[in-house]
């Protein structure tokens, strides 16, 4: 099982309770931030919530089409803002 599959499985099992950042290393997922970013790039919607201090939890919201990933939505939002400012040529 890949680390991506482990993370998705953990997030699905936990549901809205989420998975805390300190739990990933217990499942031998040491570079979990990079793996979460990769999953987001693939279209997974994973919400990050601060619990307390350095404790964060991650909650799987839904699987969205890859072309509508959070990065592509952000790029589209940036493009609209640039066009509104008359700076579209900079993109």
PDB file of N, CA and C in Angstrom:
ATOM      1  N   UNK A   1       0.848  -1.178   0.000  1.00  0.00           N
ATOM      2  CA  UNK A   1       0.000   0.000   0.000  1.00  0.00           C
ATOM      3  C   UNK A   1       0.894   1.243   0.000  1.00  0.00           C
ATOM      4  N   UNK A   2       0.600   2.186  -0.867  1.00  0.00           N
ATOM      5  CA  UNK A   2       1.391   3.414  -0.953  1.00  0.00           C
ATOM      6  C   UNK A   2       1.043   4.348   0.199  1.00  0.00           C
ATOM      7  N   UNK A   3       1.890   5.343   0.420  1.00  0.00           N
ATOM      8  CA  UNK A   3       1.605   6.320   1.469  1.00  0.00           C
ATOM      9  C   UNK A   3       0.346   7.117   1.143  1.00  0.00           C
ATOM     10  N   UNK A   4       0.131   7.415  -0.136  1.00  0.00           N
ATOM     11  CA  UNK A   4      -1.095   8.117  -0.533  1.00  0.00           C
ATOM     12  C   UNK A   4      -2.319   7.291  -0.143  1.00  0.00           C
ATOM     13  N   UNK A   5      -2.275   6.006  -0.434  1.00  0.00           N
ATOM     14  CA  UNK A   5      -3.405   5.129  -0.108  1.00  0.00           C
ATOM     15  C   UNK A   5      -3.614   5.041   1.398  1.00  0.00           C
ATOM     16  N   UNK A   6      -2.516   4.991   2.159  1.00  0.00           N
ATOM     17  CA  UNK A   6      -2.627   4.953   3.623  1.00  0.00           C
ATOM     18  C   UNK A   6      -3.308   6.214   4.152  1.00  0.00           C
ATOM     19  N   UNK A   7      -2.879   7.347   3.617  1.00  0.00           N
ATOM     20  CA  UNK A   7      -3.446   8.624   4.077  1.00  0.00           C
ATOM     21  C   UNK A   7      -4.933   8.696   3.760  1.00  0.00           C
ATOM     22  N   UNK A   8      -5.316   8.371   2.526  1.00  0.00           N
ATOM     23  CA  UNK A   8      -6.734   8.422   2.147  1.00  0.00           C
ATOM     24  C   UNK A   8      -7.541   7.466   3.012  1.00  0.00           C
ATOM     25  N   UNK A   9      -7.017   6.286   3.253  1.00  0.00           N
ATOM     26  CA  UNK A   9      -7.706   5.314   4.095  1.00  0.00           C
ATOM     27  C   UNK A   9      -7.892   5.848   5.514  1.00  0.00           C
ATOM     28  N   UNK A  10      -6.841   6.432   6.075  1.00  0.00           N
ATOM     29  CA  UNK A  10      -6.935   7.008   7.419  1.00  0.00           C
ATOM     30  C   UNK A  10      -7.979   8.127   7.462  1.00  0.00           C
ATOM     31  N   UNK A  11      -7.940   9.007   6.458  1.00  0.00           N
ATOM     32  CA  UNK A  11      -8.876  10.131   6.432  1.00  0.00           C
ATOM     33  C   UNK A  11     -10.320   9.658   6.270  1.00  0.00           C
ATOM     34  N   UNK A  12     -10.529   8.650   5.426  1.00  0.00           N
ATOM     35  CA  UNK A  12     -11.887   8.122   5.228  1.00  0.00           C
ATOM     36  C   UNK A  12     -12.408   7.461   6.499  1.00  0.00           C
ATOM     37  N   UNK A  13     -11.548   6.701   7.175  1.00  0.00           N
ATOM     38  CA  UNK A  13     -11.975   6.014   8.391  1.00  0.00           C
ATOM     39  C   UNK A  13     -12.339   7.003   9.491  1.00  0.00           C
ATOM     40  N   UNK A  14     -11.610   8.100   9.590  1.00  0.00           N
ATOM     41  CA  UNK A  14     -11.843   9.088  10.645  1.00  0.00           C
ATOM     42  C   UNK A  14     -12.997  10.030  10.358  1.00  0.00           C
ATOM     43  N   UNK A  15     -13.294  10.252   9.090  1.00  0.00           N
ATOM     44  CA  UNK A  15     -14.394  11.146   8.733  1.00  0.00           C
ATOM     45  C   UNK A  15     -14.170  12.555   9.246  1.00  0.00           C
ATOM     46  N   UNK A  16     -15.225  13.177   9.812  1.00  0.00           N
ATOM     47  CA  UNK A  16     -15.116  14.571  10.258  1.00  0.00           C
ATOM     48  C   UNK A  16     -14.204  14.773  11.471  1.00  0.00           C
ATOM     49  N   UNK A  17     -13.877  13.702  12.182  1.00  0.00           N
ATOM     50  CA  UNK A  17     -12.964  13.805  13.324  1.00  0.00           C
ATOM     51  C   UNK A  17     -11.558  14.146  12.838  1.00  0.00           C
ATOM     52  N   UNK A  18     -11.188  13.619  11.676  1.00  0.00           N
ATOM     53  CA  UNK A  18      -9.896  13.912  11.063  1.00  0.00           C
ATOM     54  C   UNK A  18      -8.742  13.141  11.665  1.00  0.00           C
ATOM     55  N   UNK A  19      -7.573  13.355  11.091  1.00  0.00           N
ATOM     56  CA  UNK A  19      -6.333  12.715  11.530  1.00  0.00           C
ATOM     57  C   UNK A  19      -5.384  13.818  11.976  1.00  0.00           C
ATOM     58  N   UNK A  20      -4.844  13.677  13.172  1.00  0.00           N
ATOM     59  CA  UNK A  20      -3.926  14.690  13.698  1.00  0.00           C
ATOM     60  C   UNK A  20      -2.522  14.472  13.136  1.00  0.00           C
ATOM     61  N   UNK A  21      -1.770  15.561  13.055  1.00  0.00           N
ATOM     62  CA  UNK A  21      -0.441  15.511  12.439  1.00  0.00           C
ATOM     63  C   UNK A  21       0.489  14.519  13.128  1.00  0.00           C
ATOM     64  N   UNK A  22       0.400  14.340  14.416  1.00  0.00           N
ATOM     65  CA  UNK A  22       1.299  13.423  15.122  1.00  0.00           C
ATOM     66  C   UNK A  22       0.975  11.953  14.868  1.00  0.00           C
ATOM     67  N   UNK A  23      -0.172  11.675  14.243  1.00  0.00           N
ATOM     68  CA  UNK A  23      -0.554  10.294  13.968  1.00  0.00           C
ATOM     69  C   UNK A  23       0.113   9.735  12.701  1.00  0.00           C
ATOM     70  N   UNK A  24       0.466  10.597  11.773  1.00  0.00           N
ATOM     71  CA  UNK A  24       1.061  10.119  10.520  1.00  0.00           C
ATOM     72  C   UNK A  24       2.372   9.356  10.745  1.00  0.00           C
ATOM     73  N   UNK A  25       3.311   9.895  11.550  1.00  0.00           N
ATOM     74  CA  UNK A  25       4.550   9.141  11.775  1.00  0.00           C
ATOM     75  C   UNK A  25       4.322   7.773  12.429  1.00  0.00           C
ATOM     76  N   UNK A  26       3.254   7.627  13.199  1.00  0.00           N
ATOM     77  CA  UNK A  26       2.942   6.333  13.808  1.00  0.00           C
ATOM     78  C   UNK A  26       2.605   5.288  12.751  1.00  0.00           C
ATOM     79  N   UNK A  27       2.208   5.743  11.556  1.00  0.00           N
ATOM     80  CA  UNK A  27       1.903   4.853  10.442  1.00  0.00           C
ATOM     81  C   UNK A  27       3.010   4.893   9.386  1.00  0.00           C
ATOM     82  N   UNK A  28       4.197   5.344   9.816  1.00  0.00           N
ATOM     83  CA  UNK A  28       5.385   5.396   8.960  1.00  0.00           C
ATOM     84  C   UNK A  28       5.222   6.321   7.756  1.00  0.00           C
ATOM     85  N   UNK A  29       4.469   7.388   7.960  1.00  0.00           N
ATOM     86  CA  UNK A  29       4.329   8.438   6.940  1.00  0.00           C
ATOM     87  C   UNK A  29       5.034   9.664   7.515  1.00  0.00           C
ATOM     88  N   UNK A  30       6.329   9.766   7.254  1.00  0.00           N
ATOM     89  CA  UNK A  30       7.139  10.797   7.899  1.00  0.00           C
ATOM     90  C   UNK A  30       7.022  12.148   7.213  1.00  0.00           C
ATOM     91  N   UNK A  31       6.971  12.168   5.898  1.00  0.00           N
ATOM     92  CA  UNK A  31       6.875  13.420   5.147  1.00  0.00           C
ATOM     93  C   UNK A  31       5.420  13.637   4.713  1.00  0.00           C
ATOM     94  N   UNK A  32       4.533  13.650   5.698  1.00  0.00           N
ATOM     95  CA  UNK A  32       3.096  13.689   5.402  1.00  0.00           C
ATOM     96  C   UNK A  32       2.655  14.990   4.736  1.00  0.00           C
ATOM     97  N   UNK A  33       3.327  16.103   5.028  1.00  0.00           N
ATOM     98  CA  UNK A  33       2.927  17.374   4.405  1.00  0.00           C
ATOM     99  C   UNK A  33       3.093  17.314   2.886  1.00  0.00           C
ATOM    100  N   UNK A  34       4.195  16.748   2.442  1.00  0.00           N
ATOM    101  CA  UNK A  34       4.427  16.611   0.996  1.00  0.00           C
ATOM    102  C   UNK A  34       3.405  15.659   0.382  1.00  0.00           C
ATOM    103  N   UNK A  35       3.117  14.559   1.073  1.00  0.00           N
ATOM    104  CA  UNK A  35       2.129  13.601   0.556  1.00  0.00           C
ATOM    105  C   UNK A  35       0.742  14.243   0.477  1.00  0.00           C
ATOM    106  N   UNK A  36       0.368  15.050   1.476  1.00  0.00           N
ATOM    107  CA  UNK A  36      -0.927  15.733   1.440  1.00  0.00           C
ATOM    108  C   UNK A  36      -0.992  16.723   0.276  1.00  0.00           C
ATOM    109  N   UNK A  37       0.105  17.448   0.044  1.00  0.00           N
ATOM    110  CA  UNK A  37       0.144  18.373  -1.099  1.00  0.00           C
ATOM    111  C   UNK A  37      -0.009  17.619  -2.416  1.00  0.00           C
ATOM    112  N   UNK A  38       0.640  16.475  -2.523  1.00  0.00           N
ATOM    113  CA  UNK A  38       0.524  15.675  -3.745  1.00  0.00           C
ATOM    114  C   UNK A  38      -0.909  15.193  -3.947  1.00  0.00           C
ATOM    115  N   UNK A  39      -1.562  14.785  -2.870  1.00  0.00           N
ATOM    116  CA  UNK A  39      -2.962  14.358  -2.976  1.00  0.00           C
ATOM    117  C   UNK A  39      -3.853  15.522  -3.392  1.00  0.00           C
ATOM    118  N   UNK A  40      -3.587  16.692  -2.860  1.00  0.00           N
ATOM    119  CA  UNK A  40      -4.363  17.877  -3.249  1.00  0.00           C
ATOM    120  C   UNK A  40      -4.167  18.187  -4.734  1.00  0.00           C
ATOM    121  N   UNK A  41      -2.937  18.038  -5.204  1.00  0.00           N
ATOM    122  CA  UNK A  41      -2.669  18.261  -6.630  1.00  0.00           C
ATOM    123  C   UNK A  41      -3.429  17.271  -7.500  1.00  0.00           C
ATOM    124  N   UNK A  42      -3.659  16.083  -6.975  1.00  0.00           N
ATOM    125  CA  UNK A  42      -4.403  15.062  -7.714  1.00  0.00           C
ATOM    126  C   UNK A  42      -5.912  15.272  -7.628  1.00  0.00           C
ATOM    127  N   UNK A  43      -6.345  16.273  -6.860  1.00  0.00           N
ATOM    128  CA  UNK A  43      -7.761  16.595  -6.816  1.00  0.00           C
ATOM    129  C   UNK A  43      -8.461  16.287  -5.517  1.00  0.00           C
ATOM    130  N   UNK A  44      -7.764  15.779  -4.522  1.00  0.00           N
ATOM    131  CA  UNK A  44      -8.399  15.495  -3.243  1.00  0.00           C
ATOM    132  C   UNK A  44      -8.538  16.786  -2.453  1.00  0.00           C
ATOM    133  N   UNK A  45      -9.701  16.984  -1.856  1.00  0.00           N
ATOM    134  CA  UNK A  45      -9.951  18.166  -1.040  1.00  0.00           C
ATOM    135  C   UNK A  45      -9.739  17.776   0.421  1.00  0.00           C
ATOM    136  N   UNK A  46      -8.631  18.235   0.985  1.00  0.00           N
ATOM    137  CA  UNK A  46      -8.262  17.903   2.353  1.00  0.00           C
ATOM    138  C   UNK A  46      -8.139  19.208   3.132  1.00  0.00           C
ATOM    139  N   UNK A  47      -8.991  19.336   4.139  1.00  0.00           N
ATOM    140  CA  UNK A  47      -9.022  20.557   4.942  1.00  0.00           C
ATOM    141  C   UNK A  47      -8.029  20.435   6.088  1.00  0.00           C
ATOM    142  N   UNK A  48      -7.309  21.525   6.381  1.00  0.00           N
ATOM    143  CA  UNK A  48      -6.370  21.585   7.490  1.00  0.00           C
ATOM    144  C   UNK A  48      -6.952  22.489   8.566  1.00  0.00           C
ATOM    145  N   UNK A  49      -7.006  21.981   9.806  1.00  0.00           N
ATOM    146  CA  UNK A  49      -7.596  22.739  10.918  1.00  0.00           C
ATOM    147  C   UNK A  49      -6.617  22.724  12.086  1.00  0.00           C
ATOM    148  N   UNK A  50      -6.333  23.902  12.633  1.00  0.00           N
ATOM    149  CA  UNK A  50      -5.471  23.976  13.820  1.00  0.00           C
ATOM    150  C   UNK A  50      -6.283  23.560  15.036  1.00  0.00           C
ATOM    151  N   UNK A  51      -5.750  22.604  15.792  1.00  0.00           N
ATOM    152  CA  UNK A  51      -6.427  22.123  16.997  1.00  0.00           C
ATOM    153  C   UNK A  51      -5.933  22.914  18.199  1.00  0.00           C
ATOM    154  N   UNK A  52      -4.597  22.923  18.378  1.00  0.00           N
ATOM    155  CA  UNK A  52      -4.013  23.636  19.512  1.00  0.00           C
ATOM    156  C   UNK A  52      -2.499  23.694  19.330  1.00  0.00           C
ATOM    157  N   UNK A  53      -1.924  24.852  19.459  1.00  0.00           N
ATOM    158  CA  UNK A  53      -0.474  24.974  19.345  1.00  0.00           C
ATOM    159  C   UNK A  53       0.057  24.382  18.049  1.00  0.00           C
ATOM    160  N   UNK A  54       0.863  23.334  18.179  1.00  0.00           N
ATOM    161  CA  UNK A  54       1.446  22.674  17.010  1.00  0.00           C
ATOM    162  C   UNK A  54       0.660  21.454  16.566  1.00  0.00           C
ATOM    163  N   UNK A  55      -0.542  21.301  17.057  1.00  0.00           N
ATOM    164  CA  UNK A  55      -1.372  20.151  16.683  1.00  0.00           C
ATOM    165  C   UNK A  55      -2.361  20.589  15.611  1.00  0.00           C
ATOM    166  N   UNK A  56      -2.337  19.872  14.497  1.00  0.00           N
ATOM    167  CA  UNK A  56      -3.220  20.138  13.371  1.00  0.00           C
ATOM    168  C   UNK A  56      -3.983  18.876  13.049  1.00  0.00           C
ATOM    169  N   UNK A  57      -5.172  19.030  12.498  1.00  0.00           N
ATOM    170  CA  UNK A  57      -5.885  17.852  12.020  1.00  0.00           C
ATOM    171  C   UNK A  57      -6.233  18.047  10.556  1.00  0.00           C
ATOM    172  N   UNK A  58      -6.335  16.932   9.863  1.00  0.00           N
ATOM    173  CA  UNK A  58      -6.615  16.923   8.434  1.00  0.00           C
ATOM    174  C   UNK A  58      -7.898  16.139   8.221  1.00  0.00           C
ATOM    175  N   UNK A  59      -8.819  16.744   7.461  1.00  0.00           N
ATOM    176  CA  UNK A  59     -10.131  16.139   7.225  1.00  0.00           C
ATOM    177  C   UNK A  59     -10.362  16.043   5.721  1.00  0.00           C
ATOM    178  N   UNK A  60     -10.741  14.849   5.281  1.00  0.00           N
ATOM    179  CA  UNK A  60     -11.058  14.641   3.872  1.00  0.00           C
ATOM    180  C   UNK A  60     -12.450  15.185   3.621  1.00  0.00           C
ATOM    181  N   UNK A  61     -12.544  16.156   2.708  1.00  0.00           N
ATOM    182  CA  UNK A  61     -13.839  16.734   2.395  1.00  0.00           C
ATOM    183  C   UNK A  61     -14.513  15.984   1.259  1.00  0.00           C
ATOM    184  N   UNK A  62     -13.807  15.805   0.155  1.00  0.00           N
ATOM    185  CA  UNK A  62     -14.387  15.152  -1.021  1.00  0.00           C
ATOM    186  C   UNK A  62     -13.308  14.956  -2.069  1.00  0.00           C
ATOM    187  N   UNK A  63     -13.594  14.136  -3.035  1.00  0.00           N
ATOM    188  CA  UNK A  63     -12.699  13.982  -4.193  1.00  0.00           C
ATOM    189  C   UNK A  63     -13.269  14.855  -5.289  1.00  0.00           C
ATOM    190  N   UNK A  64     -12.473  15.776  -5.771  1.00  0.00           N
ATOM    191  CA  UNK A  64     -12.920  16.656  -6.837  1.00  0.00           C
ATOM    192  C   UNK A  64     -12.129  16.323  -8.094  1.00  0.00           C
ATOM    193  N   UNK A  65     -12.649  16.619  -9.267  1.00  0.00           N
ATOM    194  CA  UNK A  65     -11.911  16.337 -10.500  1.00  0.00           C
ATOM    195  C   UNK A  65     -10.551  17.029 -10.485  1.00  0.00           C
ATOM    196  N   UNK A  66      -9.558  16.356 -11.019  1.00  0.00           N
ATOM    197  CA  UNK A  66      -8.195  16.892 -11.001  1.00  0.00           C
ATOM    198  C   UNK A  66      -8.114  18.263 -11.662  1.00  0.00           C
ATOM    199  N   UNK A  67      -8.876  18.466 -12.729  1.00  0.00           N
ATOM    200  CA  UNK A  67      -8.805  19.761 -13.402  1.00  0.00           C
ATOM    201  C   UNK A  67      -9.373  20.879 -12.541  1.00  0.00           C
ATOM    202  N   UNK A  68     -10.118  20.531 -11.504  1.00  0.00           N
ATOM    203  CA  UNK A  68     -10.660  21.522 -10.591  1.00  0.00           C
ATOM    204  C   UNK A  68      -9.956  21.468  -9.238  1.00  0.00           C
ATOM    205  N   UNK A  69      -8.693  21.093  -9.224  1.00  0.00           N
ATOM    206  CA  UNK A  69      -7.955  21.003  -7.975  1.00  0.00           C
ATOM    207  C   UNK A  69      -7.821  22.390  -7.354  1.00  0.00           C
ATOM    208  N   UNK A  70      -7.420  22.428  -6.104  1.00  0.00           N
ATOM    209  CA  UNK A  70      -7.306  23.697  -5.399  1.00  0.00           C
ATOM    210  C   UNK A  70      -6.277  24.598  -6.062  1.00  0.00           C
ATOM    211  N   UNK A  71      -5.225  24.018  -6.640  1.00  0.00           N
ATOM    212  CA  UNK A  71      -4.228  24.844  -7.309  1.00  0.00           C
ATOM    213  C   UNK A  71      -4.775  25.465  -8.586  1.00  0.00           C
ATOM    214  N   UNK A  72      -5.523  24.689  -9.358  1.00  0.00           N
ATOM    215  CA  UNK A  72      -6.075  25.256 -10.593  1.00  0.00           C
ATOM    216  C   UNK A  72      -7.135  26.303 -10.269  1.00  0.00           C
ATOM    217  N   UNK A  73      -7.904  26.082  -9.192  1.00  0.00           N
ATOM    218  CA  UNK A  73      -8.884  27.107  -8.784  1.00  0.00           C
ATOM    219  C   UNK A  73      -8.166  28.372  -8.357  1.00  0.00           C
ATOM    220  N   UNK A  74      -7.051  28.231  -7.613  1.00  0.00           N
ATOM    221  CA  UNK A  74      -6.280  29.392  -7.167  1.00  0.00           C
ATOM    222  C   UNK A  74      -5.704  30.134  -8.370  1.00  0.00           C
ATOM    223  N   UNK A  75      -5.165  29.398  -9.337  1.00  0.00           N
ATOM    224  CA  UNK A  75      -4.634  30.051 -10.537  1.00  0.00           C
ATOM    225  C   UNK A  75      -5.727  30.817 -11.268  1.00  0.00           C
ATOM    226  N   UNK A  76      -6.926  30.224 -11.357  1.00  0.00           N
ATOM    227  CA  UNK A  76      -8.042  30.891 -12.033  1.00  0.00           C
ATOM    228  C   UNK A  76      -8.438  32.163 -11.278  1.00  0.00           C
ATOM    229  N   UNK A  77      -8.493  32.081  -9.953  1.00  0.00           N
ATOM    230  CA  UNK A  77      -8.819  33.265  -9.146  1.00  0.00           C
ATOM    231  C   UNK A  77      -7.765  34.354  -9.345  1.00  0.00           C
ATOM    232  N   UNK A  78      -6.486  33.972  -9.357  1.00  0.00           N
ATOM    233  CA  UNK A  78      -5.407  34.938  -9.577  1.00  0.00           C
ATOM    234  C   UNK A  78      -5.524  35.577 -10.953  1.00  0.00           C
ATOM    235  N   UNK A  79      -5.851  34.767 -11.958  1.00  0.00           N
ATOM    236  CA  UNK A  79      -5.995  35.277 -13.321  1.00  0.00           C
ATOM    237  C   UNK A  79      -7.118  36.317 -13.386  1.00  0.00           C
ATOM    238  N   UNK A  80      -8.237  36.040 -12.736  1.00  0.00           N
ATOM    239  CA  UNK A  80      -9.365  36.978 -12.736  1.00  0.00           C
ATOM    240  C   UNK A  80      -8.960  38.281 -12.060  1.00  0.00           C
ATOM    241  N   UNK A  81      -8.270  38.176 -10.914  1.00  0.00           N
ATOM    242  CA  UNK A  81      -7.822  39.387 -10.223  1.00  0.00           C
ATOM    243  C   UNK A  81      -6.868  40.204 -11.085  1.00  0.00           C
ATOM    244  N   UNK A  82      -5.941  39.530 -11.761  1.00  0.00           N
ATOM    245  CA  UNK A  82      -4.984  40.230 -12.618  1.00  0.00           C
ATOM    246  C   UNK A  82      -5.696  40.916 -13.779  1.00  0.00           C
ATOM    247  N   UNK A  83      -6.691  40.243 -14.354  1.00  0.00           N
ATOM    248  CA  UNK A  83      -7.434  40.833 -15.454  1.00  0.00           C
ATOM    249  C   UNK A  83      -8.196  42.067 -14.983  1.00  0.00           C
ATOM    250  N   UNK A  84      -8.768  41.980 -13.783  1.00  0.00           N
ATOM    251  CA  UNK A  84      -9.505  43.135 -13.241  1.00  0.00           C
ATOM    252  C   UNK A  84      -8.576  44.330 -13.022  1.00  0.00           C
ATOM    253  N   UNK A  85      -7.337  44.063 -12.705  1.00  0.00           N
ATOM    254  CA  UNK A  85      -6.363  45.135 -12.476  1.00  0.00           C
ATOM    255  C   UNK A  85      -5.687  45.578 -13.769  1.00  0.00           C
ATOM    256  N   UNK A  86      -6.026  44.925 -14.870  1.00  0.00           N
ATOM    257  CA  UNK A  86      -5.402  45.281 -16.139  1.00  0.00           C
ATOM    258  C   UNK A  86      -3.999  44.726 -16.271  1.00  0.00           C
ATOM    259  N   UNK A  87      -3.689  43.663 -15.523  1.00  0.00           N
ATOM    260  CA  UNK A  87      -2.341  43.100 -15.526  1.00  0.00           C
ATOM    261  C   UNK A  87      -2.307  41.717 -16.152  1.00  0.00           C
ATOM    262  N   UNK A  88      -3.283  41.389 -16.971  1.00  0.00           N
ATOM    263  CA  UNK A  88      -3.389  40.043 -17.548  1.00  0.00           C
ATOM    264  C   UNK A  88      -2.161  39.695 -18.386  1.00  0.00           C
ATOM    265  N   UNK A  89      -1.524  40.662 -18.972  1.00  0.00           N
ATOM    266  CA  UNK A  89      -0.362  40.391 -19.822  1.00  0.00           C
ATOM    267  C   UNK A  89       0.809  39.829 -19.014  1.00  0.00           C
ATOM    268  N   UNK A  90       0.801  39.997 -17.684  1.00  0.00           N
ATOM    269  CA  UNK A  90       1.875  39.488 -16.841  1.00  0.00           C
ATOM    270  C   UNK A  90       1.772  38.002 -16.580  1.00  0.00           C
ATOM    271  N   UNK A  91       0.619  37.410 -16.892  1.00  0.00           N
ATOM    272  CA  UNK A  91       0.431  35.986 -16.603  1.00  0.00           C
ATOM    273  C   UNK A  91       1.097  35.100 -17.607  1.00  0.00           C
TER     274      UNK A  91
END
